[in-house]
Amino acid sequence: MAVVAVFQAPSLTQEQYEKSVSRLTGGKSRMESPADWPVEGLLAHIAGEGENGFRVVDVWESEDAFRRFGEKLMPVLQEIGVEGQPESYPAHTFVSA
């Protein structure tokens, strides 16, 4: 079952998001395809500035894929000073074009 993960924290800025991307990809400035992620299983990734700050929304193919990514991501976020945990929940519906 697909899992939705939403991360938004007061300490997350676009600059910090870009730093995390660089660290997760070995220096790339952007993640542009699922192959750029350090683990398999990503179905969708959206990141941008909203009214309440910078937000990242992912859809993962399974809870296990999301957990494997979290094992890579959380140490990076701690290194760059981003606090908080993502909200995650099973997707009721996932449609991709």
PDB file of N, CA and C in Angstrom:
ATOM      1  N   MET A   1       0.840  -1.183   0.000  1.00  0.00           N
ATOM      2  CA  MET A   1       0.000   0.000   0.000  1.00  0.00           C
ATOM      3  C   MET A   1       0.886   1.249   0.000  1.00  0.00           C
ATOM      4  N   ALA A   2       0.543   2.211  -0.828  1.00  0.00           N
ATOM      5  CA  ALA A   2       1.299   3.460  -0.909  1.00  0.00           C
ATOM      6  C   ALA A   2       1.189   4.239   0.392  1.00  0.00           C
ATOM      7  N   VAL A   3       2.257   4.975   0.708  1.00  0.00           N
ATOM      8  CA  VAL A   3       2.331   5.786   1.920  1.00  0.00           C
ATOM      9  C   VAL A   3       2.622   7.231   1.526  1.00  0.00           C
ATOM     10  N   VAL A   4       1.868   8.154   2.106  1.00  0.00           N
ATOM     11  CA  VAL A   4       2.083   9.587   1.900  1.00  0.00           C
ATOM     12  C   VAL A   4       2.904  10.113   3.069  1.00  0.00           C
ATOM     13  N   ALA A   5       3.909  10.908   2.774  1.00  0.00           N
ATOM     14  CA  ALA A   5       4.729  11.524   3.809  1.00  0.00           C
ATOM     15  C   ALA A   5       4.768  13.031   3.562  1.00  0.00           C
ATOM     16  N   VAL A   6       4.414  13.798   4.586  1.00  0.00           N
ATOM     17  CA  VAL A   6       4.400  15.254   4.487  1.00  0.00           C
ATOM     18  C   VAL A   6       5.340  15.800   5.546  1.00  0.00           C
ATOM     19  N   PHE A   7       6.295  16.627   5.122  1.00  0.00           N
ATOM     20  CA  PHE A   7       7.220  17.231   6.074  1.00  0.00           C
ATOM     21  C   PHE A   7       7.151  18.739   5.943  1.00  0.00           C
ATOM     22  N   GLN A   8       6.791  19.357   7.050  1.00  0.00           N
ATOM     23  CA  GLN A   8       6.798  20.813   7.130  1.00  0.00           C
ATOM     24  C   GLN A   8       7.140  21.165   8.563  1.00  0.00           C
ATOM     25  N   ALA A   9       8.166  21.959   8.735  1.00  0.00           N
ATOM     26  CA  ALA A   9       8.593  22.366  10.068  1.00  0.00           C
ATOM     27  C   ALA A   9       9.070  23.810  10.006  1.00  0.00           C
ATOM     28  N   PRO A  10       8.905  24.552  11.093  1.00  0.00           N
ATOM     29  CA  PRO A  10       9.377  25.942  11.088  1.00  0.00           C
ATOM     30  C   PRO A  10      10.863  26.062  10.761  1.00  0.00           C
ATOM     31  N   SER A  11      11.621  25.027  11.069  1.00  0.00           N
ATOM     32  CA  SER A  11      13.062  25.092  10.824  1.00  0.00           C
ATOM     33  C   SER A  11      13.449  24.688   9.403  1.00  0.00           C
ATOM     34  N   LEU A  12      12.491  24.269   8.573  1.00  0.00           N
ATOM     35  CA  LEU A  12      12.801  23.862   7.202  1.00  0.00           C
ATOM     36  C   LEU A  12      12.639  25.032   6.246  1.00  0.00           C
ATOM     37  N   THR A  13      13.732  25.390   5.589  1.00  0.00           N
ATOM     38  CA  THR A  13      13.719  26.451   4.579  1.00  0.00           C
ATOM     39  C   THR A  13      14.088  25.842   3.230  1.00  0.00           C
ATOM     40  N   GLN A  14      13.884  26.591   2.179  1.00  0.00           N
ATOM     41  CA  GLN A  14      14.278  26.120   0.853  1.00  0.00           C
ATOM     42  C   GLN A  14      15.782  25.867   0.810  1.00  0.00           C
ATOM     43  N   GLU A  15      16.551  26.726   1.433  1.00  0.00           N
ATOM     44  CA  GLU A  15      18.005  26.552   1.462  1.00  0.00           C
ATOM     45  C   GLU A  15      18.384  25.237   2.151  1.00  0.00           C
ATOM     46  N   GLN A  16      17.727  24.930   3.265  1.00  0.00           N
ATOM     47  CA  GLN A  16      18.030  23.681   3.958  1.00  0.00           C
ATOM     48  C   GLN A  16      17.568  22.473   3.133  1.00  0.00           C
ATOM     49  N   TYR A  17      16.438  22.600   2.473  1.00  0.00           N
ATOM     50  CA  TYR A  17      15.980  21.531   1.584  1.00  0.00           C
ATOM     51  C   TYR A  17      17.045  21.264   0.521  1.00  0.00           C
ATOM     52  N   GLU A  18      17.562  22.313  -0.093  1.00  0.00           N
ATOM     53  CA  GLU A  18      18.573  22.157  -1.129  1.00  0.00           C
ATOM     54  C   GLU A  18      19.859  21.541  -0.581  1.00  0.00           C
ATOM     55  N   LYS A  19      20.230  21.888   0.652  1.00  0.00           N
ATOM     56  CA  LYS A  19      21.394  21.262   1.290  1.00  0.00           C
ATOM     57  C   LYS A  19      21.152  19.769   1.485  1.00  0.00           C
ATOM     58  N   SER A  20      19.948  19.418   1.904  1.00  0.00           N
ATOM     59  CA  SER A  20      19.655  17.998   2.114  1.00  0.00           C
ATOM     60  C   SER A  20      19.712  17.240   0.795  1.00  0.00           C
ATOM     61  N   VAL A  21      19.211  17.838  -0.279  1.00  0.00           N
ATOM     62  CA  VAL A  21      19.275  17.213  -1.598  1.00  0.00           C
ATOM     63  C   VAL A  21      20.733  16.960  -1.982  1.00  0.00           C
ATOM     64  N   SER A  22      21.572  17.952  -1.801  1.00  0.00           N
ATOM     65  CA  SER A  22      22.985  17.824  -2.145  1.00  0.00           C
ATOM     66  C   SER A  22      23.640  16.687  -1.366  1.00  0.00           C
ATOM     67  N   ARG A  23      23.327  16.594  -0.092  1.00  0.00           N
ATOM     68  CA  ARG A  23      23.935  15.540   0.732  1.00  0.00           C
ATOM     69  C   ARG A  23      23.390  14.157   0.396  1.00  0.00           C
ATOM     70  N   LEU A  24      22.127  14.077   0.067  1.00  0.00           N
ATOM     71  CA  LEU A  24      21.534  12.778  -0.259  1.00  0.00           C
ATOM     72  C   LEU A  24      21.962  12.259  -1.627  1.00  0.00           C
ATOM     73  N   THR A  25      22.343  13.173  -2.525  1.00  0.00           N
ATOM     74  CA  THR A  25      22.668  12.784  -3.902  1.00  0.00           C
ATOM     75  C   THR A  25      24.160  12.839  -4.199  1.00  0.00           C
ATOM     76  N   GLY A  26      24.974  13.176  -3.232  1.00  0.00           N
ATOM     77  CA  GLY A  26      26.406  13.278  -3.501  1.00  0.00           C
ATOM     78  C   GLY A  26      26.784  14.521  -4.275  1.00  0.00           C
ATOM     79  N   GLY A  27      25.976  15.587  -4.135  1.00  0.00           N
ATOM     80  CA  GLY A  27      26.342  16.865  -4.723  1.00  0.00           C
ATOM     81  C   GLY A  27      25.417  17.439  -5.773  1.00  0.00           C
ATOM     82  N   LYS A  28      24.388  16.721  -6.166  1.00  0.00           N
ATOM     83  CA  LYS A  28      23.453  17.274  -7.148  1.00  0.00           C
ATOM     84  C   LYS A  28      22.688  18.450  -6.534  1.00  0.00           C
ATOM     85  N   SER A  29      22.314  19.397  -7.380  1.00  0.00           N
ATOM     86  CA  SER A  29      21.564  20.552  -6.877  1.00  0.00           C
ATOM     87  C   SER A  29      20.062  20.305  -6.863  1.00  0.00           C
ATOM     88  N   ARG A  30      19.604  19.299  -7.640  1.00  0.00           N
ATOM     89  CA  ARG A  30      18.168  18.982  -7.711  1.00  0.00           C
ATOM     90  C   ARG A  30      17.979  17.488  -7.834  1.00  0.00           C
ATOM     91  N   MET A  31      16.862  17.027  -7.310  1.00  0.00           N
ATOM     92  CA  MET A  31      16.440  15.656  -7.549  1.00  0.00           C
ATOM     93  C   MET A  31      15.450  15.732  -8.705  1.00  0.00           C
ATOM     94  N   GLU A  32      15.744  15.027  -9.784  1.00  0.00           N
ATOM     95  CA  GLU A  32      14.922  15.154 -10.981  1.00  0.00           C
ATOM     96  C   GLU A  32      14.269  13.856 -11.435  1.00  0.00           C
ATOM     97  N   SER A  33      14.692  12.730 -10.876  1.00  0.00           N
ATOM     98  CA  SER A  33      14.072  11.455 -11.227  1.00  0.00           C
ATOM     99  C   SER A  33      14.158  10.527 -10.020  1.00  0.00           C
ATOM    100  N   PRO A  34      13.326   9.500  -9.960  1.00  0.00           N
ATOM    101  CA  PRO A  34      13.393   8.571  -8.829  1.00  0.00           C
ATOM    102  C   PRO A  34      14.779   7.960  -8.642  1.00  0.00           C
ATOM    103  N   ALA A  35      15.566   7.872  -9.701  1.00  0.00           N
ATOM    104  CA  ALA A  35      16.920   7.322  -9.599  1.00  0.00           C
ATOM    105  C   ALA A  35      17.841   8.199  -8.750  1.00  0.00           C
ATOM    106  N   ASP A  36      17.461   9.460  -8.519  1.00  0.00           N
ATOM    107  CA  ASP A  36      18.276  10.361  -7.707  1.00  0.00           C
ATOM    108  C   ASP A  36      18.154  10.073  -6.212  1.00  0.00           C
ATOM    109  N   TRP A  37      17.136   9.354  -5.803  1.00  0.00           N
ATOM    110  CA  TRP A  37      16.934   9.068  -4.375  1.00  0.00           C
ATOM    111  C   TRP A  37      17.875   7.957  -3.935  1.00  0.00           C
ATOM    112  N   PRO A  38      18.290   7.982  -2.671  1.00  0.00           N
ATOM    113  CA  PRO A  38      19.236   6.972  -2.188  1.00  0.00           C
ATOM    114  C   PRO A  38      18.610   5.597  -1.943  1.00  0.00           C
ATOM    115  N   VAL A  39      17.300   5.470  -2.091  1.00  0.00           N
ATOM    116  CA  VAL A  39      16.610   4.184  -1.951  1.00  0.00           C
ATOM    117  C   VAL A  39      15.540   4.091  -3.035  1.00  0.00           C
ATOM    118  N   GLU A  40      15.133   2.881  -3.336  1.00  0.00           N
ATOM    119  CA  GLU A  40      14.074   2.672  -4.322  1.00  0.00           C
ATOM    120  C   GLU A  40      12.706   2.770  -3.664  1.00  0.00           C
ATOM    121  N   GLY A  41      11.692   3.041  -4.476  1.00  0.00           N
ATOM    122  CA  GLY A  41      10.325   3.011  -3.990  1.00  0.00           C
ATOM    123  C   GLY A  41       9.579   4.326  -4.032  1.00  0.00           C
ATOM    124  N   LEU A  42      10.217   5.403  -4.492  1.00  0.00           N
ATOM    125  CA  LEU A  42       9.546   6.697  -4.574  1.00  0.00           C
ATOM    126  C   LEU A  42       8.565   6.707  -5.741  1.00  0.00           C
ATOM    127  N   LEU A  43       7.341   7.141  -5.490  1.00  0.00           N
ATOM    128  CA  LEU A  43       6.334   7.276  -6.544  1.00  0.00           C
ATOM    129  C   LEU A  43       6.130   8.727  -6.952  1.00  0.00           C
ATOM    130  N   ALA A  44       6.248   9.655  -5.995  1.00  0.00           N
ATOM    131  CA  ALA A  44       6.058  11.079  -6.299  1.00  0.00           C
ATOM    132  C   ALA A  44       6.782  11.919  -5.251  1.00  0.00           C
ATOM    133  N   HIS A  45       7.264  13.075  -5.677  1.00  0.00           N
ATOM    134  CA  HIS A  45       7.950  14.014  -4.775  1.00  0.00           C
ATOM    135  C   HIS A  45       7.583  15.426  -5.197  1.00  0.00           C
ATOM    136  N   ILE A  46       7.116  16.201  -4.241  1.00  0.00           N
ATOM    137  CA  ILE A  46       6.753  17.594  -4.488  1.00  0.00           C
ATOM    138  C   ILE A  46       7.341  18.427  -3.361  1.00  0.00           C
ATOM    139  N   ALA A  47       7.989  19.526  -3.701  1.00  0.00           N
ATOM    140  CA  ALA A  47       8.550  20.413  -2.684  1.00  0.00           C
ATOM    141  C   ALA A  47       8.311  21.850  -3.115  1.00  0.00           C
ATOM    142  N   GLY A  48       7.931  22.695  -2.160  1.00  0.00           N
ATOM    143  CA  GLY A  48       7.728  24.098  -2.488  1.00  0.00           C
ATOM    144  C   GLY A  48       7.316  24.913  -1.284  1.00  0.00           C
ATOM    145  N   GLU A  49       7.309  26.202  -1.495  1.00  0.00           N
ATOM    146  CA  GLU A  49       6.968  27.161  -0.442  1.00  0.00           C
ATOM    147  C   GLU A  49       5.461  27.379  -0.428  1.00  0.00           C
ATOM    148  N   GLY A  50       4.857  27.192   0.726  1.00  0.00           N
ATOM    149  CA  GLY A  50       3.441  27.447   0.907  1.00  0.00           C
ATOM    150  C   GLY A  50       3.228  28.584   1.886  1.00  0.00           C
ATOM    151  N   GLU A  51       2.002  28.854   2.212  1.00  0.00           N
ATOM    152  CA  GLU A  51       1.685  29.932   3.153  1.00  0.00           C
ATOM    153  C   GLU A  51       2.313  29.710   4.519  1.00  0.00           C
ATOM    154  N   ASN A  52       2.495  28.448   4.903  1.00  0.00           N
ATOM    155  CA  ASN A  52       3.031  28.123   6.227  1.00  0.00           C
ATOM    156  C   ASN A  52       4.468  27.655   6.190  1.00  0.00           C
ATOM    157  N   GLY A  53       5.187  27.992   5.139  1.00  0.00           N
ATOM    158  CA  GLY A  53       6.594  27.630   5.051  1.00  0.00           C
ATOM    159  C   GLY A  53       6.858  26.602   3.965  1.00  0.00           C
ATOM    160  N   PHE A  54       8.090  26.112   3.955  1.00  0.00           N
ATOM    161  CA  PHE A  54       8.511  25.153   2.938  1.00  0.00           C
ATOM    162  C   PHE A  54       7.959  23.777   3.297  1.00  0.00           C
ATOM    163  N   ARG A  55       7.427  23.077   2.301  1.00  0.00           N
ATOM    164  CA  ARG A  55       6.772  21.788   2.535  1.00  0.00           C
ATOM    165  C   ARG A  55       7.257  20.774   1.502  1.00  0.00           C
ATOM    166  N   VAL A  56       7.417  19.535   1.961  1.00  0.00           N
ATOM    167  CA  VAL A  56       7.796  18.429   1.086  1.00  0.00           C
ATOM    168  C   VAL A  56       6.746  17.336   1.224  1.00  0.00           C
ATOM    169  N   VAL A  57       6.259  16.845   0.092  1.00  0.00           N
ATOM    170  CA  VAL A  57       5.272  15.770   0.080  1.00  0.00           C
ATOM    171  C   VAL A  57       5.822  14.654  -0.807  1.00  0.00           C
ATOM    172  N   ASP A  58       5.913  13.465  -0.239  1.00  0.00           N
ATOM    173  CA  ASP A  58       6.342  12.286  -0.988  1.00  0.00           C
ATOM    174  C   ASP A  58       5.245  11.244  -0.964  1.00  0.00           C
ATOM    175  N   VAL A  59       5.234  10.403  -1.988  1.00  0.00           N
ATOM    176  CA  VAL A  59       4.430   9.193  -1.972  1.00  0.00           C
ATOM    177  C   VAL A  59       5.401   8.051  -2.218  1.00  0.00           C
ATOM    178  N   TRP A  60       5.382   7.077  -1.315  1.00  0.00           N
ATOM    179  CA  TRP A  60       6.259   5.911  -1.384  1.00  0.00           C
ATOM    180  C   TRP A  60       5.423   4.677  -1.659  1.00  0.00           C
ATOM    181  N   GLU A  61       6.009   3.701  -2.336  1.00  0.00           N
ATOM    182  CA  GLU A  61       5.268   2.503  -2.714  1.00  0.00           C
ATOM    183  C   GLU A  61       4.883   1.641  -1.518  1.00  0.00           C
ATOM    184  N   SER A  62       5.584   1.804  -0.394  1.00  0.00           N
ATOM    185  CA  SER A  62       5.289   0.995   0.785  1.00  0.00           C
ATOM    186  C   SER A  62       5.843   1.657   2.038  1.00  0.00           C
ATOM    187  N   GLU A  63       5.385   1.194   3.170  1.00  0.00           N
ATOM    188  CA  GLU A  63       5.907   1.656   4.462  1.00  0.00           C
ATOM    189  C   GLU A  63       7.398   1.319   4.566  1.00  0.00           C
ATOM    190  N   ASP A  64       7.792   0.162   4.061  1.00  0.00           N
ATOM    191  CA  ASP A  64       9.191  -0.252   4.117  1.00  0.00           C
ATOM    192  C   ASP A  64      10.086   0.683   3.314  1.00  0.00           C
ATOM    193  N   ALA A  65       9.654   1.066   2.117  1.00  0.00           N
ATOM    194  CA  ALA A  65      10.435   2.000   1.298  1.00  0.00           C
ATOM    195  C   ALA A  65      10.567   3.350   2.003  1.00  0.00           C
ATOM    196  N   PHE A  66       9.475   3.823   2.596  1.00  0.00           N
ATOM    197  CA  PHE A  66       9.507   5.088   3.330  1.00  0.00           C
ATOM    198  C   PHE A  66      10.459   4.998   4.515  1.00  0.00           C
ATOM    199  N   ARG A  67      10.432   3.881   5.244  1.00  0.00           N
ATOM    200  CA  ARG A  67      11.316   3.691   6.396  1.00  0.00           C
ATOM    201  C   ARG A  67      12.785   3.701   5.953  1.00  0.00           C
ATOM    202  N   ARG A  68      13.109   3.016   4.851  1.00  0.00           N
ATOM    203  CA  ARG A  68      14.488   2.988   4.356  1.00  0.00           C
ATOM    204  C   ARG A  68      14.966   4.392   3.994  1.00  0.00           C
ATOM    205  N   PHE A  69      14.083   5.177   3.387  1.00  0.00           N
ATOM    206  CA  PHE A  69      14.457   6.557   3.059  1.00  0.00           C
ATOM    207  C   PHE A  69      14.680   7.366   4.331  1.00  0.00           C
ATOM    208  N   GLY A  70      13.800   7.206   5.300  1.00  0.00           N
ATOM    209  CA  GLY A  70      13.946   7.919   6.572  1.00  0.00           C
ATOM    210  C   GLY A  70      15.272   7.634   7.247  1.00  0.00           C
ATOM    211  N   GLU A  71      15.759   6.413   7.126  1.00  0.00           N
ATOM    212  CA  GLU A  71      17.054   6.052   7.709  1.00  0.00           C
ATOM    213  C   GLU A  71      18.195   6.838   7.070  1.00  0.00           C
ATOM    214  N   LYS A  72      18.044   7.212   5.816  1.00  0.00           N
ATOM    215  CA  LYS A  72      19.048   8.046   5.124  1.00  0.00           C
ATOM    216  C   LYS A  72      18.823   9.531   5.392  1.00  0.00           C
ATOM    217  N   LEU A  73      17.548   9.934   5.402  1.00  0.00           N
ATOM    218  CA  LEU A  73      17.211  11.352   5.481  1.00  0.00           C
ATOM    219  C   LEU A  73      17.391  11.956   6.873  1.00  0.00           C
ATOM    220  N   MET A  74      16.917  11.280   7.904  1.00  0.00           N
ATOM    221  CA  MET A  74      16.884  11.897   9.225  1.00  0.00           C
ATOM    222  C   MET A  74      18.263  12.316   9.735  1.00  0.00           C
ATOM    223  N   PRO A  75      19.326  11.532   9.562  1.00  0.00           N
ATOM    224  CA  PRO A  75      20.646  12.011   9.980  1.00  0.00           C
ATOM    225  C   PRO A  75      21.082  13.268   9.223  1.00  0.00           C
ATOM    226  N   VAL A  76      20.730  13.355   7.945  1.00  0.00           N
ATOM    227  CA  VAL A  76      21.072  14.543   7.147  1.00  0.00           C
ATOM    228  C   VAL A  76      20.335  15.759   7.706  1.00  0.00           C
ATOM    229  N   LEU A  77      19.044  15.606   7.984  1.00  0.00           N
ATOM    230  CA  LEU A  77      18.277  16.732   8.536  1.00  0.00           C
ATOM    231  C   LEU A  77      18.845  17.181   9.874  1.00  0.00           C
ATOM    232  N   GLN A  78      19.233  16.248  10.706  1.00  0.00           N
ATOM    233  CA  GLN A  78      19.827  16.600  12.004  1.00  0.00           C
ATOM    234  C   GLN A  78      21.118  17.377  11.809  1.00  0.00           C
ATOM    235  N   GLU A  79      21.946  16.959  10.849  1.00  0.00           N
ATOM    236  CA  GLU A  79      23.213  17.647  10.566  1.00  0.00           C
ATOM    237  C   GLU A  79      23.006  19.097  10.164  1.00  0.00           C
ATOM    238  N   ILE A  80      21.951  19.370   9.407  1.00  0.00           N
ATOM    239  CA  ILE A  80      21.757  20.732   8.899  1.00  0.00           C
ATOM    240  C   ILE A  80      20.808  21.552   9.769  1.00  0.00           C
ATOM    241  N   GLY A  81      20.366  20.988  10.899  1.00  0.00           N
ATOM    242  CA  GLY A  81      19.584  21.747  11.865  1.00  0.00           C
ATOM    243  C   GLY A  81      18.088  21.773  11.645  1.00  0.00           C
ATOM    244  N   VAL A  82      17.556  20.813  10.910  1.00  0.00           N
ATOM    245  CA  VAL A  82      16.114  20.745  10.695  1.00  0.00           C
ATOM    246  C   VAL A  82      15.534  19.777  11.714  1.00  0.00           C
ATOM    247  N   GLU A  83      14.580  20.255  12.480  1.00  0.00           N
ATOM    248  CA  GLU A  83      13.949  19.439  13.507  1.00  0.00           C
ATOM    249  C   GLU A  83      12.553  19.039  13.069  1.00  0.00           C
ATOM    250  N   GLY A  84      12.061  17.970  13.652  1.00  0.00           N
ATOM    251  CA  GLY A  84      10.704  17.542  13.378  1.00  0.00           C
ATOM    252  C   GLY A  84      10.664  16.187  12.705  1.00  0.00           C
ATOM    253  N   GLN A  85       9.476  15.658  12.610  1.00  0.00           N
ATOM    254  CA  GLN A  85       9.225  14.363  11.993  1.00  0.00           C
ATOM    255  C   GLN A  85       8.150  14.535  10.929  1.00  0.00           C
ATOM    256  N   PRO A  86       8.229  13.751   9.872  1.00  0.00           N
ATOM    257  CA  PRO A  86       7.175  13.847   8.861  1.00  0.00           C
ATOM    258  C   PRO A  86       5.879  13.228   9.364  1.00  0.00           C
ATOM    259  N   GLU A  87       4.788  13.733   8.864  1.00  0.00           N
ATOM    260  CA  GLU A  87       3.492  13.094   9.072  1.00  0.00           C
ATOM    261  C   GLU A  87       3.380  12.045   7.974  1.00  0.00           C
ATOM    262  N   SER A  88       2.973  10.839   8.316  1.00  0.00           N
ATOM    263  CA  SER A  88       2.805   9.821   7.287  1.00  0.00           C
ATOM    264  C   SER A  88       1.512   9.063   7.518  1.00  0.00           C
ATOM    265  N   TYR A  89       0.945   8.595   6.407  1.00  0.00           N
ATOM    266  CA  TYR A  89      -0.316   7.864   6.488  1.00  0.00           C
ATOM    267  C   TYR A  89      -0.500   7.058   5.215  1.00  0.00           C
ATOM    268  N   PRO A  90      -1.250   5.963   5.302  1.00  0.00           N
ATOM    269  CA  PRO A  90      -1.534   5.161   4.107  1.00  0.00           C
ATOM    270  C   PRO A  90      -2.350   5.980   3.115  1.00  0.00           C
ATOM    271  N   ALA A  91      -2.007   5.871   1.857  1.00  0.00           N
ATOM    272  CA  ALA A  91      -2.770   6.560   0.817  1.00  0.00           C
ATOM    273  C   ALA A  91      -4.086   5.825   0.593  1.00  0.00           C
ATOM    274  N   HIS A  92      -5.152   6.548   0.599  1.00  0.00           N
ATOM    275  CA  HIS A  92      -6.444   5.958   0.255  1.00  0.00           C
ATOM    276  C   HIS A  92      -6.524   5.769  -1.254  1.00  0.00           C
ATOM    277  N   THR A  93      -6.046   6.793  -1.978  1.00  0.00           N
ATOM    278  CA  THR A  93      -6.089   6.769  -3.433  1.00  0.00           C
ATOM    279  C   THR A  93      -4.801   7.393  -3.949  1.00  0.00           C
ATOM    280  N   PHE A  94      -4.218   6.797  -4.958  1.00  0.00           N
ATOM    281  CA  PHE A  94      -3.050   7.374  -5.620  1.00  0.00           C
ATOM    282  C   PHE A  94      -3.248   7.212  -7.121  1.00  0.00           C
ATOM    283  N   VAL A  95      -3.288   8.310  -7.844  1.00  0.00           N
ATOM    284  CA  VAL A  95      -3.452   8.313  -9.290  1.00  0.00           C
ATOM    285  C   VAL A  95      -2.278   9.067  -9.874  1.00  0.00           C
ATOM    286  N   SER A  96      -1.644   8.497 -10.856  1.00  0.00           N
ATOM    287  CA  SER A  96      -0.514   9.146 -11.495  1.00  0.00           C
ATOM    288  C   SER A  96      -0.786   9.257 -12.988  1.00  0.00           C
ATOM    289  N   ALA A  97      -0.414  10.385 -13.558  1.00  0.00           N
ATOM    290  CA  ALA A  97      -0.618  10.594 -15.001  1.00  0.00           C
ATOM    291  C   ALA A  97       0.419   9.859 -15.803  1.00  0.00           C
TER     292      ALA A  97
END
